[in-house]
Amino acid sequence: MGAAFESVLGTRSCSVSRLVLASLLVNLPFAVQPMQNALAAIPASVRDAARCCGLSPAAAIRRIELPLALPGIARPRY
């Protein structure tokens, strides 16, 4: 069966790089959802305070929001 795919497509159908890419695409929603939930749990007042202190949006994300959301992003899920 693999030889048939190879003759039609001109390349190996089940290369390791393609399997890794497919695995990443399938599992991406399972990684994004916890990150989104962790960032959404940060109160708006924290973002307002960062803006009030003169931080740019990128600096506020890097210095305030990511450290606050890190426990929700990096904790293991069983």
C-alpha atoms as a PDB file:
ATOM      1  CA  MET A   1       0.000   0.000   0.000  1.00  0.00           C
ATOM      2  CA  GLY A   2       2.854   2.406   0.797  1.00  0.00           C
ATOM      3  CA  ALA A   3       4.391   1.788  -2.615  1.00  0.00           C
ATOM      4  CA  ALA A   4       1.113   2.794  -4.278  1.00  0.00           C
ATOM      5  CA  PHE A   5       1.010   6.096  -2.379  1.00  0.00           C
ATOM      6  CA  GLU A   6       4.654   6.682  -3.156  1.00  0.00           C
ATOM      7  CA  SER A   7       4.118   6.135  -6.878  1.00  0.00           C
ATOM      8  CA  VAL A   8       1.076   8.453  -6.959  1.00  0.00           C
ATOM      9  CA  LEU A   9       2.425  11.205  -4.723  1.00  0.00           C
ATOM     10  CA  GLY A  10       6.061  10.883  -5.667  1.00  0.00           C
ATOM     11  CA  THR A  11       7.106  10.877  -2.026  1.00  0.00           C
ATOM     12  CA  ARG A  12       6.881   8.702   1.054  1.00  0.00           C
ATOM     13  CA  SER A  13       3.444   8.962   2.604  1.00  0.00           C
ATOM     14  CA  CYS A  14       4.387   8.257   6.217  1.00  0.00           C
ATOM     15  CA  SER A  15       7.625  10.084   6.836  1.00  0.00           C
ATOM     16  CA  VAL A  16       8.482  10.955  10.424  1.00  0.00           C
ATOM     17  CA  SER A  17       8.284  14.696   9.772  1.00  0.00           C
ATOM     18  CA  ARG A  18       4.753  14.352   8.389  1.00  0.00           C
ATOM     19  CA  LEU A  19       3.673  12.269  11.357  1.00  0.00           C
ATOM     20  CA  VAL A  20       5.057  14.880  13.756  1.00  0.00           C
ATOM     21  CA  LEU A  21       3.322  17.677  11.834  1.00  0.00           C
ATOM     22  CA  ALA A  22       0.011  15.808  11.852  1.00  0.00           C
ATOM     23  CA  SER A  23       0.336  15.157  15.583  1.00  0.00           C
ATOM     24  CA  LEU A  24       1.001  18.846  16.260  1.00  0.00           C
ATOM     25  CA  LEU A  25      -1.994  19.939  14.212  1.00  0.00           C
ATOM     26  CA  VAL A  26      -4.325  17.452  15.891  1.00  0.00           C
ATOM     27  CA  ASN A  27      -3.167  18.296  19.426  1.00  0.00           C
ATOM     28  CA  LEU A  28      -2.907  22.074  19.021  1.00  0.00           C
ATOM     29  CA  PRO A  29      -6.451  22.805  20.282  1.00  0.00           C
ATOM     30  CA  PHE A  30      -5.716  20.864  23.461  1.00  0.00           C
ATOM     31  CA  ALA A  31      -2.762  23.177  24.134  1.00  0.00           C
ATOM     32  CA  VAL A  32      -4.422  26.441  23.122  1.00  0.00           C
ATOM     33  CA  GLN A  33      -7.559  26.065  25.237  1.00  0.00           C
ATOM     34  CA  PRO A  34      -5.782  25.966  28.640  1.00  0.00           C
ATOM     35  CA  MET A  35      -3.623  28.937  27.609  1.00  0.00           C
ATOM     36  CA  GLN A  36      -6.700  30.891  26.583  1.00  0.00           C
ATOM     37  CA  ASN A  37      -8.482  30.048  29.837  1.00  0.00           C
ATOM     38  CA  ALA A  38      -5.463  31.007  31.947  1.00  0.00           C
ATOM     39  CA  LEU A  39      -5.126  34.384  30.184  1.00  0.00           C
ATOM     40  CA  ALA A  40      -8.883  35.021  30.402  1.00  0.00           C
ATOM     41  CA  ALA A  41      -8.778  34.485  34.176  1.00  0.00           C
ATOM     42  CA  ILE A  42      -6.585  37.581  34.644  1.00  0.00           C
ATOM     43  CA  PRO A  43      -8.781  40.459  35.844  1.00  0.00           C
ATOM     44  CA  ALA A  44      -9.197  43.458  33.561  1.00  0.00           C
ATOM     45  CA  SER A  45      -8.052  45.694  36.407  1.00  0.00           C
ATOM     46  CA  VAL A  46      -4.571  44.161  36.163  1.00  0.00           C
ATOM     47  CA  ARG A  47      -4.407  45.062  32.479  1.00  0.00           C
ATOM     48  CA  ASP A  48      -5.678  48.562  33.242  1.00  0.00           C
ATOM     49  CA  ALA A  49      -3.028  48.999  35.938  1.00  0.00           C
ATOM     50  CA  ALA A  50      -0.301  47.923  33.517  1.00  0.00           C
ATOM     51  CA  ARG A  51      -1.511  50.472  30.975  1.00  0.00           C
ATOM     52  CA  CYS A  52      -1.717  53.136  33.661  1.00  0.00           C
ATOM     53  CA  CYS A  53       1.928  52.455  34.582  1.00  0.00           C
ATOM     54  CA  GLY A  54       2.941  53.124  30.988  1.00  0.00           C
ATOM     55  CA  LEU A  55       3.650  49.593  29.812  1.00  0.00           C
ATOM     56  CA  SER A  56       3.128  48.851  26.151  1.00  0.00           C
ATOM     57  CA  PRO A  57       0.747  45.983  25.366  1.00  0.00           C
ATOM     58  CA  ALA A  58       3.680  43.703  24.507  1.00  0.00           C
ATOM     59  CA  ALA A  59       5.505  44.605  27.716  1.00  0.00           C
ATOM     60  CA  ALA A  60       2.344  44.078  29.761  1.00  0.00           C
ATOM     61  CA  ILE A  61       1.916  40.603  28.289  1.00  0.00           C
ATOM     62  CA  ARG A  62       5.579  39.697  28.811  1.00  0.00           C
ATOM     63  CA  ARG A  63       6.064  41.168  32.282  1.00  0.00           C
ATOM     64  CA  ILE A  64       2.635  40.812  33.909  1.00  0.00           C
ATOM     65  CA  GLU A  65       0.144  38.587  32.109  1.00  0.00           C
ATOM     66  CA  LEU A  66       2.384  35.638  31.222  1.00  0.00           C
ATOM     67  CA  PRO A  67       3.834  35.307  34.742  1.00  0.00           C
ATOM     68  CA  LEU A  68       0.299  35.403  36.170  1.00  0.00           C
ATOM     69  CA  ALA A  69      -0.993  32.854  33.647  1.00  0.00           C
ATOM     70  CA  LEU A  70       2.022  30.537  33.794  1.00  0.00           C
ATOM     71  CA  PRO A  71       0.638  28.206  36.497  1.00  0.00           C
ATOM     72  CA  GLY A  72      -2.488  27.659  34.392  1.00  0.00           C
ATOM     73  CA  ILE A  73      -0.475  27.115  31.232  1.00  0.00           C
ATOM     74  CA  ALA A  74       2.372  24.948  32.510  1.00  0.00           C
ATOM     75  CA  ARG A  75       0.666  22.717  35.016  1.00  0.00           C
ATOM     76  CA  PRO A  76       0.397  19.067  34.017  1.00  0.00           C
ATOM     77  CA  ARG A  77      -3.026  17.734  33.100  1.00  0.00           C
ATOM     78  CA  TYR A  78      -3.744  14.102  33.790  1.00  0.00           C
END
